[in-house]
Amino acid sequence: MAINQGDNRFATTRWSLVLAAKDRATPEARQALAELCAAYWYPLYAYVRRQGHDANQAQDLTQEFFTRLLEKEFLRAVDPMKGRFRAFLLAALRHFLAIEWDRARAIKRGGGRTPISLDLDTAEDRYRHEPAHQLTAEKLFERRYALTLLEQVLERLRQEMKELGKERLFHGLKPYLAGTAEPGYEQTSRALEMSDGAVKTAVHRLRRRYRELLRESIARTVETDAEIDDEIRELFAALGE
């Protein structure tokens, strides 16, 4: 699981998804936008719901927002020097809701156009499990974005371990990444048929790779290493609220 590191590790990934999505003419741009939508659609849906729109309206608005994000080329206004993409996207949604939502709700989802693929059928089931309404729409967006990002990082780590033929080891050690009560090393050693020392070493390596993947994911939508650290602090602060 050794990973080569260096100062250039994030140079090719910082803002890469956002900048690629600005050029709609390339297949890479479509893939980049699909990844952005996968990361952000539910946090934005939860924001719309917490603003008082019902489930049907929120689904239509979320779909229409992402469709217009591509059609109206909102992404061409993105400048990495102006801050994080997360903040840009939320500001764009606020503008959309304030100025254009009344027109959007009159359009059947997709409006005859090819819609962005979003798993909206699961949205309301997920929303029912959100915390009570003391969370503002903005706080809920931040919390859901943080959870979505961590889930994606965990899935990337699982895929890596699977490709290495170590998926069983991943599932056995995953509780050590959760930040909650961890099983004892002795219990895990028995389950995985490993020594306590081998388990401790494997946990250390898994945690290190998890942190690397987290930083890599965040680096795609911020500009500097300092911002990566700030973003990590803000994301975990959002989870604690």
Protein backbone atom coordinates (compact mmCIF):
# COMPACT_ATOMS: atom_id res chain seq x y z
CA MET A 1 0.00 0.00 0.00
CA ALA A 2 3.04 2.25 -0.26
CA ILE A 3 2.31 5.51 -2.05
CA ASN A 4 4.85 7.80 -3.67
CA GLN A 5 4.42 11.30 -2.32
CA GLY A 6 5.92 14.63 -3.21
CA ASP A 7 5.24 18.31 -3.64
CA ASN A 8 3.59 17.66 -7.03
CA ARG A 9 1.05 15.16 -5.69
CA PHE A 10 -1.85 17.63 -5.77
CA ALA A 11 -0.62 19.81 -8.64
CA THR A 12 -2.59 17.90 -11.27
CA THR A 13 -5.71 17.37 -9.16
CA ARG A 14 -6.29 20.77 -7.53
CA TRP A 15 -9.45 22.23 -9.06
CA SER A 16 -9.17 19.61 -11.80
CA LEU A 17 -12.83 18.56 -11.69
CA VAL A 18 -14.09 22.13 -11.75
CA LEU A 19 -11.79 23.35 -14.50
CA ALA A 20 -12.44 20.29 -16.65
CA ALA A 21 -16.19 20.79 -16.29
CA LYS A 22 -15.88 24.33 -17.67
CA ASP A 23 -15.12 22.94 -21.12
CA ARG A 24 -18.25 21.09 -22.21
CA ALA A 25 -16.78 19.98 -25.54
CA THR A 26 -14.68 17.18 -24.09
CA PRO A 27 -15.67 13.75 -22.75
CA GLU A 28 -13.52 14.54 -19.72
CA ALA A 29 -15.75 17.52 -18.98
CA ARG A 30 -18.87 15.37 -18.94
CA GLN A 31 -17.20 12.90 -16.60
CA ALA A 32 -15.99 15.74 -14.39
CA LEU A 33 -19.47 17.22 -14.17
CA ALA A 34 -20.92 13.79 -13.39
CA GLU A 35 -18.48 13.49 -10.48
CA LEU A 36 -19.39 16.95 -9.23
CA CYS A 37 -23.09 16.16 -9.43
CA ALA A 38 -22.57 12.89 -7.57
CA ALA A 39 -20.82 14.76 -4.78
CA TYR A 40 -23.14 17.73 -4.50
CA TRP A 41 -26.66 16.81 -5.59
CA TYR A 42 -27.91 15.51 -2.26
CA PRO A 43 -26.39 18.29 -0.08
CA LEU A 44 -28.05 20.79 -2.43
CA TYR A 45 -31.34 18.85 -2.37
CA ALA A 46 -31.26 18.92 1.44
CA TYR A 47 -30.60 22.67 1.32
CA VAL A 48 -33.63 23.20 -0.95
CA ARG A 49 -35.86 21.05 1.28
CA ARG A 50 -34.76 22.91 4.42
CA GLN A 51 -35.66 26.16 2.66
CA GLY A 52 -39.28 25.05 2.77
CA HIS A 53 -39.88 23.42 -0.62
CA ASP A 54 -41.73 20.13 -0.64
CA ALA A 55 -40.20 16.90 -1.93
CA ASN A 56 -41.52 17.20 -5.49
CA GLN A 57 -40.45 20.82 -5.79
CA ALA A 58 -37.02 20.04 -4.36
CA GLN A 59 -36.49 17.22 -6.86
CA ASP A 60 -37.53 19.42 -9.78
CA LEU A 61 -35.43 22.34 -8.59
CA THR A 62 -32.33 20.26 -7.97
CA GLN A 63 -32.56 18.61 -11.38
CA GLU A 64 -33.23 21.92 -13.11
CA PHE A 65 -30.37 23.63 -11.29
CA PHE A 66 -27.82 21.08 -12.49
CA THR A 67 -29.25 21.18 -16.01
CA ARG A 68 -28.93 24.95 -16.11
CA LEU A 69 -25.52 24.76 -14.52
CA LEU A 70 -24.40 23.11 -17.74
CA GLU A 71 -26.62 24.93 -20.22
CA LYS A 72 -26.05 28.44 -18.90
CA GLU A 73 -22.37 27.72 -18.40
CA PHE A 74 -22.31 28.92 -14.80
CA LEU A 75 -19.02 27.11 -14.42
CA ARG A 76 -17.30 29.51 -16.78
CA ALA A 77 -17.48 32.08 -13.97
CA VAL A 78 -15.52 29.81 -11.65
CA ASP A 79 -12.11 31.15 -10.72
CA PRO A 80 -9.95 29.11 -8.31
CA MET A 81 -8.54 32.38 -6.96
CA LYS A 82 -11.99 33.48 -5.79
CA GLY A 83 -12.44 30.74 -3.22
CA ARG A 84 -13.70 27.21 -2.90
CA PHE A 85 -15.99 25.60 -5.40
CA ARG A 86 -18.25 24.49 -2.56
CA ALA A 87 -19.01 28.14 -1.74
CA PHE A 88 -19.46 29.05 -5.41
CA LEU A 89 -21.97 26.26 -5.96
CA LEU A 90 -24.08 27.19 -2.95
CA ALA A 91 -24.10 30.85 -4.03
CA ALA A 92 -25.18 29.80 -7.53
CA LEU A 93 -28.03 27.73 -6.06
CA ARG A 94 -29.18 30.64 -3.89
CA HIS A 95 -29.26 32.88 -6.96
CA PHE A 96 -31.17 30.23 -8.90
CA LEU A 97 -33.77 29.85 -6.15
CA ALA A 98 -34.19 33.59 -5.66
CA ILE A 99 -34.44 34.57 -9.32
CA GLU A 100 -35.43 31.58 -11.40
CA TRP A 101 -37.17 28.96 -9.29
CA ASP A 102 -40.68 30.12 -10.19
CA ARG A 103 -39.94 29.50 -13.85
CA ALA A 104 -38.19 26.23 -13.15
CA ARG A 105 -41.13 24.75 -11.24
CA ALA A 106 -43.36 25.27 -14.30
CA ILE A 107 -41.05 23.04 -16.34
CA LYS A 108 -41.45 19.29 -16.10
CA ARG A 109 -38.18 17.87 -14.84
CA GLY A 110 -35.70 17.89 -17.71
CA GLY A 111 -38.00 19.99 -19.93
CA GLY A 112 -37.44 17.67 -22.89
CA ARG A 113 -33.69 18.06 -22.52
CA THR A 114 -31.23 15.41 -21.48
CA PRO A 115 -31.20 15.73 -17.68
CA ILE A 116 -28.20 15.31 -15.46
CA SER A 117 -28.32 11.82 -13.96
CA LEU A 118 -29.21 12.18 -10.28
CA ASP A 119 -30.48 9.48 -7.94
CA LEU A 120 -33.41 11.63 -6.85
CA ASP A 121 -35.62 8.63 -6.07
CA THR A 122 -33.61 8.10 -2.88
CA ALA A 123 -33.56 11.76 -1.87
CA GLU A 124 -36.60 11.91 0.37
CA ASP A 125 -35.78 8.68 2.18
CA ARG A 126 -32.39 10.17 3.02
CA TYR A 127 -33.90 13.49 4.02
CA ARG A 128 -36.23 11.86 6.57
CA HIS A 129 -33.13 10.83 8.53
CA GLU A 130 -31.69 14.35 8.75
CA PRO A 131 -31.35 16.02 12.17
CA ALA A 132 -34.24 18.06 13.50
CA HIS A 133 -34.84 21.54 12.18
CA GLN A 134 -32.43 23.36 14.46
CA LEU A 135 -29.93 23.05 11.62
CA THR A 136 -30.20 25.88 9.12
CA ALA A 137 -30.25 25.10 5.42
CA GLU A 138 -26.63 26.27 5.16
CA LYS A 139 -25.49 24.11 8.09
CA LEU A 140 -27.34 21.11 6.69
CA PHE A 141 -25.65 21.62 3.31
CA GLU A 142 -22.23 21.74 4.98
CA ARG A 143 -22.94 18.62 7.04
CA ARG A 144 -24.25 16.62 4.12
CA TYR A 145 -21.38 17.67 1.89
CA ALA A 146 -18.88 16.56 4.53
CA LEU A 147 -20.58 13.19 4.95
CA THR A 148 -20.85 12.67 1.20
CA LEU A 149 -17.17 13.43 0.72
CA LEU A 150 -16.12 11.04 3.48
CA GLU A 151 -18.34 8.31 2.05
CA GLN A 152 -16.76 8.75 -1.37
CA VAL A 153 -13.26 8.64 0.07
CA LEU A 154 -14.11 5.47 1.98
CA GLU A 155 -15.45 3.88 -1.20
CA ARG A 156 -12.27 4.79 -3.10
CA LEU A 157 -10.25 3.15 -0.35
CA ARG A 158 -12.40 0.03 -0.49
CA GLN A 159 -11.94 -0.20 -4.25
CA GLU A 160 -8.17 0.11 -3.88
CA MET A 161 -8.09 -2.64 -1.29
CA LYS A 162 -10.32 -4.83 -3.44
CA GLU A 163 -7.97 -4.44 -6.40
CA LEU A 164 -5.14 -5.55 -4.12
CA GLY A 165 -7.13 -8.61 -3.06
CA LYS A 166 -7.54 -7.17 0.46
CA GLU A 167 -11.24 -6.34 0.64
CA ARG A 168 -11.73 -8.67 3.64
CA LEU A 169 -8.93 -6.84 5.43
CA PHE A 170 -10.56 -3.50 4.59
CA HIS A 171 -13.90 -4.50 6.11
CA GLY A 172 -12.15 -5.88 9.17
CA LEU A 173 -10.25 -2.64 9.74
CA LYS A 174 -12.93 -0.15 8.63
CA PRO A 175 -14.19 0.42 12.22
CA TYR A 176 -10.81 1.98 13.01
CA LEU A 177 -11.54 4.72 10.48
CA ALA A 178 -14.92 5.68 11.88
CA GLY A 179 -13.70 7.80 14.77
CA THR A 180 -16.12 6.07 17.16
CA ALA A 181 -15.52 3.24 19.62
CA GLU A 182 -12.96 0.91 18.11
CA PRO A 183 -12.80 -2.85 18.62
CA GLY A 184 -9.80 -4.13 20.52
CA TYR A 185 -6.83 -5.29 18.49
CA GLU A 186 -7.09 -8.73 20.04
CA GLN A 187 -10.66 -9.14 18.81
CA THR A 188 -9.71 -8.00 15.31
CA SER A 189 -6.62 -10.21 15.28
CA ARG A 190 -8.73 -13.28 15.94
CA ALA A 191 -11.28 -12.35 13.30
CA LEU A 192 -8.63 -11.71 10.64
CA GLU A 193 -6.27 -14.46 11.80
CA MET A 194 -3.42 -11.97 12.18
CA SER A 195 -1.09 -11.06 15.02
CA ASP A 196 -1.83 -7.97 17.13
CA GLY A 197 1.29 -6.33 15.74
CA ALA A 198 0.25 -7.00 12.14
CA VAL A 199 -3.19 -5.53 12.81
CA LYS A 200 -1.71 -2.38 14.35
CA THR A 201 0.56 -1.93 11.33
CA ALA A 202 -2.31 -2.49 8.90
CA VAL A 203 -4.51 0.01 10.76
CA HIS A 204 -1.73 2.60 10.65
CA ARG A 205 -1.30 2.14 6.90
CA LEU A 206 -5.04 2.22 6.24
CA ARG A 207 -5.47 5.43 8.21
CA ARG A 208 -2.55 7.02 6.39
CA ARG A 209 -4.00 6.10 2.99
CA TYR A 210 -7.44 7.32 4.06
CA ARG A 211 -5.95 10.70 4.97
CA GLU A 212 -4.11 10.83 1.63
CA LEU A 213 -7.29 10.13 -0.33
CA LEU A 214 -9.20 12.71 1.70
CA ARG A 215 -6.61 15.38 0.98
CA GLU A 216 -6.53 14.39 -2.68
CA SER A 217 -10.31 14.70 -2.98
CA ILE A 218 -10.37 18.10 -1.29
CA ALA A 219 -7.41 19.29 -3.36
CA ARG A 220 -9.56 19.03 -6.46
CA THR A 221 -11.70 21.99 -5.37
CA VAL A 222 -9.32 24.30 -3.51
CA GLU A 223 -6.21 26.19 -4.61
CA THR A 224 -3.53 25.83 -1.96
CA ASP A 225 -2.30 23.26 0.54
CA ALA A 226 -3.26 25.66 3.34
CA GLU A 227 -6.82 25.64 2.03
CA ILE A 228 -6.85 21.86 2.10
CA ASP A 229 -6.12 21.94 5.82
CA ASP A 230 -8.72 24.67 6.39
CA GLU A 231 -11.30 22.71 4.42
CA ILE A 232 -10.66 19.56 6.45
CA ARG A 233 -11.11 21.49 9.69
CA GLU A 234 -14.35 23.06 8.44
CA LEU A 235 -15.75 19.76 7.23
CA PHE A 236 -15.16 18.03 10.54
CA ALA A 237 -16.51 21.05 12.39
CA ALA A 238 -19.70 20.73 10.32
CA LEU A 239 -20.04 17.09 11.38
CA GLY A 240 -19.83 18.12 15.02
CA GLU A 241 -22.74 20.55 14.83
